[in-house]
Amino acid sequence: MEYEVAQSRLDLAHVVVHPELKGFSWTELHRAKEIISAGERAAEEALPRIKALIPAFGPACPLPRRG
């Protein structure tokens, strides 16, 4: 049931990040660092799409200031 709910929510997302997790099983918690790294790589690859959408949301989605 949770899977179906999550899948139905994907249509609402502007960007969906799908890390490459082939070769991993949900039972392999000892490989957490590798799984996290895969997620980080996928997020980095999605950044251009995410940044391109930010102007469309204007002040409702301000970027944090650096420095």
N, C-alpha and C. Protein backbone atom coordinates (compact mmCIF):
# COMPACT_ATOMS: atom_id res chain seq x y z
N MET A 1 0.82 -1.19 0.00
CA MET A 1 0.00 0.00 0.00
C MET A 1 0.87 1.26 0.00
N GLU A 2 1.92 1.28 0.82
CA GLU A 2 2.80 2.45 0.88
C GLU A 2 3.44 2.72 -0.47
N TYR A 3 3.82 1.65 -1.16
CA TYR A 3 4.44 1.79 -2.48
C TYR A 3 3.48 2.48 -3.44
N GLU A 4 2.23 2.07 -3.43
CA GLU A 4 1.24 2.65 -4.32
C GLU A 4 1.02 4.13 -4.02
N VAL A 5 0.98 4.48 -2.75
CA VAL A 5 0.82 5.88 -2.36
C VAL A 5 2.02 6.69 -2.86
N ALA A 6 3.21 6.17 -2.64
CA ALA A 6 4.42 6.87 -3.08
C ALA A 6 4.42 7.03 -4.60
N GLN A 7 4.06 6.00 -5.31
CA GLN A 7 4.02 6.07 -6.77
C GLN A 7 3.02 7.12 -7.25
N SER A 8 1.88 7.22 -6.59
CA SER A 8 0.87 8.20 -7.00
C SER A 8 1.35 9.62 -6.76
N ARG A 9 2.23 9.81 -5.81
CA ARG A 9 2.76 11.15 -5.50
C ARG A 9 3.82 11.60 -6.50
N LEU A 10 4.41 10.67 -7.23
CA LEU A 10 5.45 11.04 -8.20
C LEU A 10 4.92 12.00 -9.25
N ASP A 11 3.65 11.87 -9.60
CA ASP A 11 3.07 12.77 -10.61
C ASP A 11 3.04 14.22 -10.15
N LEU A 12 3.09 14.43 -8.84
CA LEU A 12 3.05 15.79 -8.29
C LEU A 12 4.43 16.45 -8.25
N ALA A 13 5.47 15.65 -8.39
CA ALA A 13 6.84 16.17 -8.27
C ALA A 13 7.29 16.84 -9.56
N HIS A 14 8.06 17.90 -9.41
CA HIS A 14 8.66 18.57 -10.57
C HIS A 14 9.94 17.87 -11.00
N VAL A 15 10.66 17.32 -10.03
CA VAL A 15 11.88 16.56 -10.31
C VAL A 15 11.87 15.34 -9.39
N VAL A 16 12.17 14.19 -9.94
CA VAL A 16 12.28 12.97 -9.15
C VAL A 16 13.70 12.45 -9.32
N VAL A 17 14.37 12.21 -8.21
CA VAL A 17 15.74 11.72 -8.23
C VAL A 17 15.70 10.20 -8.01
N HIS A 18 16.24 9.47 -8.98
CA HIS A 18 16.27 8.01 -8.91
C HIS A 18 17.73 7.55 -8.89
N PRO A 19 18.28 7.26 -7.72
CA PRO A 19 19.65 6.74 -7.68
C PRO A 19 19.73 5.36 -8.33
N GLU A 20 20.88 5.07 -8.90
CA GLU A 20 21.13 3.75 -9.50
C GLU A 20 21.40 2.77 -8.35
N LEU A 21 20.44 1.90 -8.08
CA LEU A 21 20.57 0.98 -6.95
C LEU A 21 20.54 -0.48 -7.37
N LYS A 22 20.79 -0.74 -8.65
CA LYS A 22 20.87 -2.13 -9.09
C LYS A 22 22.05 -2.78 -8.37
N GLY A 23 21.84 -3.98 -7.93
CA GLY A 23 22.89 -4.68 -7.22
C GLY A 23 22.81 -4.52 -5.71
N PHE A 24 21.88 -3.69 -5.24
CA PHE A 24 21.69 -3.53 -3.80
C PHE A 24 20.38 -4.19 -3.39
N SER A 25 20.37 -4.75 -2.22
CA SER A 25 19.15 -5.32 -1.64
C SER A 25 18.78 -4.49 -0.41
N TRP A 26 17.49 -4.44 -0.10
CA TRP A 26 17.06 -3.68 1.07
C TRP A 26 17.60 -4.28 2.37
N THR A 27 18.15 -5.49 2.30
CA THR A 27 18.71 -6.13 3.49
C THR A 27 20.19 -5.81 3.70
N GLU A 28 20.78 -5.06 2.78
CA GLU A 28 22.22 -4.81 2.84
C GLU A 28 22.56 -3.49 3.53
N LEU A 29 22.12 -3.37 4.75
CA LEU A 29 22.38 -2.13 5.49
C LEU A 29 23.87 -1.90 5.72
N HIS A 30 24.66 -2.95 5.67
CA HIS A 30 26.10 -2.82 5.83
C HIS A 30 26.73 -2.07 4.64
N ARG A 31 25.97 -1.90 3.57
CA ARG A 31 26.45 -1.17 2.38
C ARG A 31 25.87 0.24 2.31
N ALA A 32 25.45 0.74 3.46
CA ALA A 32 24.78 2.05 3.51
C ALA A 32 25.62 3.15 2.87
N LYS A 33 26.93 3.16 3.11
CA LYS A 33 27.77 4.22 2.53
C LYS A 33 27.71 4.20 1.01
N GLU A 34 27.71 3.02 0.42
CA GLU A 34 27.62 2.91 -1.05
C GLU A 34 26.27 3.40 -1.55
N ILE A 35 25.22 3.05 -0.82
CA ILE A 35 23.87 3.46 -1.22
C ILE A 35 23.72 4.97 -1.10
N ILE A 36 24.25 5.54 -0.03
CA ILE A 36 24.21 6.99 0.16
C ILE A 36 24.99 7.68 -0.96
N SER A 37 26.15 7.14 -1.31
CA SER A 37 26.95 7.71 -2.40
C SER A 37 26.18 7.69 -3.71
N ALA A 38 25.45 6.62 -3.97
CA ALA A 38 24.64 6.55 -5.19
C ALA A 38 23.57 7.64 -5.17
N GLY A 39 22.97 7.87 -4.02
CA GLY A 39 21.98 8.93 -3.90
C GLY A 39 22.58 10.30 -4.09
N GLU A 40 23.78 10.51 -3.56
CA GLU A 40 24.46 11.80 -3.73
C GLU A 40 24.79 12.05 -5.20
N ARG A 41 25.25 11.02 -5.90
CA ARG A 41 25.55 11.16 -7.33
C ARG A 41 24.29 11.53 -8.11
N ALA A 42 23.20 10.85 -7.81
CA ALA A 42 21.94 11.12 -8.51
C ALA A 42 21.45 12.54 -8.22
N ALA A 43 21.62 12.99 -6.98
CA ALA A 43 21.20 14.35 -6.63
C ALA A 43 22.06 15.38 -7.36
N GLU A 44 23.36 15.15 -7.44
CA GLU A 44 24.25 16.06 -8.17
C GLU A 44 23.85 16.14 -9.64
N GLU A 45 23.52 14.99 -10.22
CA GLU A 45 23.11 14.97 -11.63
C GLU A 45 21.78 15.70 -11.83
N ALA A 46 20.92 15.71 -10.82
CA ALA A 46 19.61 16.36 -10.93
C ALA A 46 19.68 17.86 -10.67
N LEU A 47 20.78 18.35 -10.12
CA LEU A 47 20.87 19.78 -9.76
C LEU A 47 20.57 20.73 -10.91
N PRO A 48 21.06 20.51 -12.12
CA PRO A 48 20.72 21.44 -13.20
C PRO A 48 19.20 21.54 -13.44
N ARG A 49 18.51 20.40 -13.38
CA ARG A 49 17.05 20.43 -13.56
C ARG A 49 16.38 21.17 -12.42
N ILE A 50 16.87 20.94 -11.21
CA ILE A 50 16.29 21.60 -10.03
C ILE A 50 16.52 23.11 -10.11
N LYS A 51 17.76 23.50 -10.40
CA LYS A 51 18.08 24.93 -10.48
C LYS A 51 17.30 25.62 -11.59
N ALA A 52 17.06 24.91 -12.69
CA ALA A 52 16.31 25.50 -13.80
C ALA A 52 14.86 25.79 -13.40
N LEU A 53 14.33 25.04 -12.46
CA LEU A 53 12.94 25.24 -12.03
C LEU A 53 12.78 26.35 -11.00
N ILE A 54 13.84 26.70 -10.30
CA ILE A 54 13.74 27.67 -9.21
C ILE A 54 13.16 29.01 -9.66
N PRO A 55 13.58 29.60 -10.78
CA PRO A 55 12.98 30.88 -11.18
C PRO A 55 11.47 30.81 -11.39
N ALA A 56 10.97 29.67 -11.78
CA ALA A 56 9.52 29.53 -12.01
C ALA A 56 8.73 29.69 -10.72
N PHE A 57 9.38 29.44 -9.59
CA PHE A 57 8.68 29.54 -8.31
C PHE A 57 8.91 30.89 -7.63
N GLY A 58 9.82 31.68 -8.17
CA GLY A 58 10.06 33.03 -7.68
C GLY A 58 10.32 33.10 -6.19
N PRO A 59 9.77 34.13 -5.53
CA PRO A 59 10.04 34.35 -4.11
C PRO A 59 9.52 33.23 -3.21
N ALA A 60 8.65 32.40 -3.72
CA ALA A 60 8.14 31.30 -2.90
C ALA A 60 9.21 30.26 -2.63
N CYS A 61 10.32 30.33 -3.36
CA CYS A 61 11.38 29.33 -3.22
C CYS A 61 12.74 30.02 -3.27
N PRO A 62 13.06 30.88 -2.29
CA PRO A 62 14.33 31.61 -2.35
C PRO A 62 15.52 30.68 -2.09
N LEU A 63 16.62 30.99 -2.75
CA LEU A 63 17.86 30.26 -2.50
C LEU A 63 18.51 30.80 -1.23
N PRO A 64 19.14 29.93 -0.44
CA PRO A 64 19.84 30.42 0.75
C PRO A 64 21.04 31.27 0.34
N ARG A 65 21.32 32.28 1.11
CA ARG A 65 22.48 33.14 0.83
C ARG A 65 23.74 32.47 1.36
N ARG A 66 24.79 32.60 0.59
CA ARG A 66 26.09 32.06 1.01
C ARG A 66 26.97 33.21 1.47
N GLY A 67 27.82 32.88 2.45
CA GLY A 67 28.79 33.87 2.86
C GLY A 67 28.46 34.53 4.06
